[in-house]
Amino acid sequence: MQVQFNSDSSVMGTENVAERIEAAVREKLARFESKLTRIEIHVRDENGAKHGADDKACTIEARISGGKPIGVTGKSDTVDGAARKAANTLAQRLERHLGKADKHRHDPSPEKVM
């Protein structure tokens, strides 16, 4: 699974932030790794230099092999908090989406004998 990290100029886009967020997202989505081809993480500060509640946002898009991508956004006072919220929401959505696919798979019908 490939992970791509992006940030805008108002968010500290240093390696430390990128590594920390990527590690947290990988850990949260580890059980889905075999079904995902790529994860894109975008972090931004919604109102730049102004400070406010929930002004940091993290959008995570998961690309499912053979399926449509799923994207979620989390907001918080910190970039790490926003990433944690987005990763939790994405894990729940993937569980619902991929869990339904597994439930609808059926074993082949046994051959009828007459």
Protein backbone atom coordinates (compact mmCIF):
# COMPACT_ATOMS: atom_id res chain seq x y z
CA MET A 1 0.00 0.00 0.00
CA GLN A 2 1.45 3.32 -1.09
CA VAL A 3 0.97 6.34 1.18
CA GLN A 4 1.19 9.90 -0.15
CA PHE A 5 1.31 12.86 2.27
CA ASN A 6 0.45 16.44 1.23
CA SER A 7 0.24 19.65 3.25
CA ASP A 8 -0.38 23.28 2.47
CA SER A 9 2.09 26.05 3.26
CA SER A 10 0.35 27.06 6.50
CA VAL A 11 0.83 23.64 8.08
CA MET A 12 4.24 22.54 9.24
CA GLY A 13 5.00 20.01 6.51
CA THR A 14 8.20 18.77 8.07
CA GLU A 15 9.27 15.14 7.90
CA ASN A 16 8.44 14.68 11.56
CA VAL A 17 4.79 15.66 11.07
CA ALA A 18 4.50 13.61 7.89
CA GLU A 19 6.12 10.54 9.47
CA ARG A 20 4.03 10.78 12.64
CA ILE A 21 0.72 11.13 10.79
CA GLU A 22 1.58 8.47 8.22
CA ALA A 23 2.52 6.02 10.98
CA ALA A 24 -0.74 6.67 12.85
CA VAL A 25 -2.84 6.22 9.69
CA ARG A 26 -0.97 3.05 8.67
CA GLU A 27 -1.52 1.58 12.14
CA LYS A 28 -5.24 2.37 12.10
CA LEU A 29 -5.79 0.97 8.58
CA ALA A 30 -3.38 -2.00 8.84
CA ARG A 31 -6.14 -4.62 8.70
CA PHE A 32 -7.30 -3.27 5.31
CA GLU A 33 -3.80 -3.08 3.78
CA SER A 34 -4.28 -6.06 1.46
CA LYS A 35 -7.40 -4.47 -0.07
CA LEU A 36 -6.01 -0.94 -0.51
CA THR A 37 -3.69 0.21 -3.27
CA ARG A 38 -3.02 3.76 -2.09
CA ILE A 39 -3.76 6.19 0.72
CA GLU A 40 -3.59 9.96 0.17
CA ILE A 41 -3.36 12.19 3.23
CA HIS A 42 -3.95 15.95 2.89
CA VAL A 43 -3.53 18.26 5.90
CA ARG A 44 -4.31 21.96 5.92
CA ASP A 45 -5.01 24.92 8.17
CA GLU A 46 -8.46 26.16 7.26
CA ASN A 47 -7.98 29.78 8.31
CA GLY A 48 -4.23 30.32 8.01
CA ALA A 49 -2.65 32.62 10.57
CA LYS A 50 -5.88 33.13 12.50
CA HIS A 51 -6.47 30.74 15.36
CA GLY A 52 -9.77 29.08 15.99
CA ALA A 53 -11.46 25.93 17.14
CA ASP A 54 -11.17 22.98 14.76
CA ASP A 55 -9.17 25.00 12.23
CA LYS A 56 -6.89 22.09 11.22
CA ALA A 57 -8.30 19.60 8.72
CA CYS A 58 -7.10 16.25 7.45
CA THR A 59 -8.62 14.54 4.43
CA ILE A 60 -7.75 10.93 3.78
CA GLU A 61 -8.64 9.13 0.57
CA ALA A 62 -8.35 5.36 0.38
CA ARG A 63 -8.15 3.72 -3.03
CA ILE A 64 -9.65 0.25 -2.91
CA SER A 65 -8.33 -2.27 -5.40
CA GLY A 66 -11.09 -2.88 -7.92
CA GLY A 67 -13.39 -0.30 -6.36
CA LYS A 68 -14.15 3.38 -5.99
CA PRO A 69 -12.08 5.53 -3.63
CA ILE A 70 -13.47 6.48 -0.23
CA GLY A 71 -12.63 9.87 1.26
CA VAL A 72 -13.20 11.36 4.72
CA THR A 73 -12.27 14.58 6.51
CA GLY A 74 -11.53 15.16 10.18
CA LYS A 75 -11.17 18.54 11.92
CA SER A 76 -9.48 19.42 15.19
CA ASP A 77 -7.36 22.05 16.94
CA THR A 78 -4.22 20.09 16.00
CA VAL A 79 -3.07 18.37 12.83
CA ASP A 80 -2.55 15.13 14.74
CA GLY A 81 -6.06 15.28 16.19
CA ALA A 82 -7.57 15.92 12.76
CA ALA A 83 -5.61 12.97 11.29
CA ARG A 84 -6.73 10.71 14.15
CA LYS A 85 -10.40 11.64 13.61
CA ALA A 86 -10.15 11.13 9.85
CA ALA A 87 -8.38 7.76 10.25
CA ASN A 88 -11.02 6.53 12.73
CA THR A 89 -13.85 7.58 10.41
CA LEU A 90 -12.15 5.98 7.40
CA ALA A 91 -11.62 2.71 9.30
CA GLN A 92 -15.35 2.62 10.14
CA ARG A 93 -16.36 3.31 6.53
CA LEU A 94 -13.97 0.70 5.17
CA GLU A 95 -15.28 -1.84 7.68
CA ARG A 96 -18.84 -1.19 6.53
CA HIS A 97 -17.94 -1.14 2.83
CA LEU A 98 -15.60 -4.12 2.77
CA GLY A 99 -17.60 -6.02 5.38
CA LYS A 100 -20.69 -5.85 3.18
CA ALA A 101 -18.72 -7.17 0.22
CA ASP A 102 -17.57 -10.14 2.30
CA LYS A 103 -21.11 -10.84 3.52
CA HIS A 104 -22.44 -10.99 -0.03
CA ARG A 105 -19.93 -13.56 -1.16
CA HIS A 106 -21.51 -16.96 -1.15
CA ASP A 107 -20.08 -20.38 -1.43
CA PRO A 108 -21.01 -22.00 -4.73
CA SER A 109 -24.26 -23.86 -4.59
CA PRO A 110 -23.85 -27.61 -4.24
CA GLU A 111 -24.72 -29.56 -7.32
CA LYS A 112 -28.17 -31.04 -7.21
CA VAL A 113 -28.40 -34.75 -7.46
CA MET A 114 -31.55 -36.31 -8.82
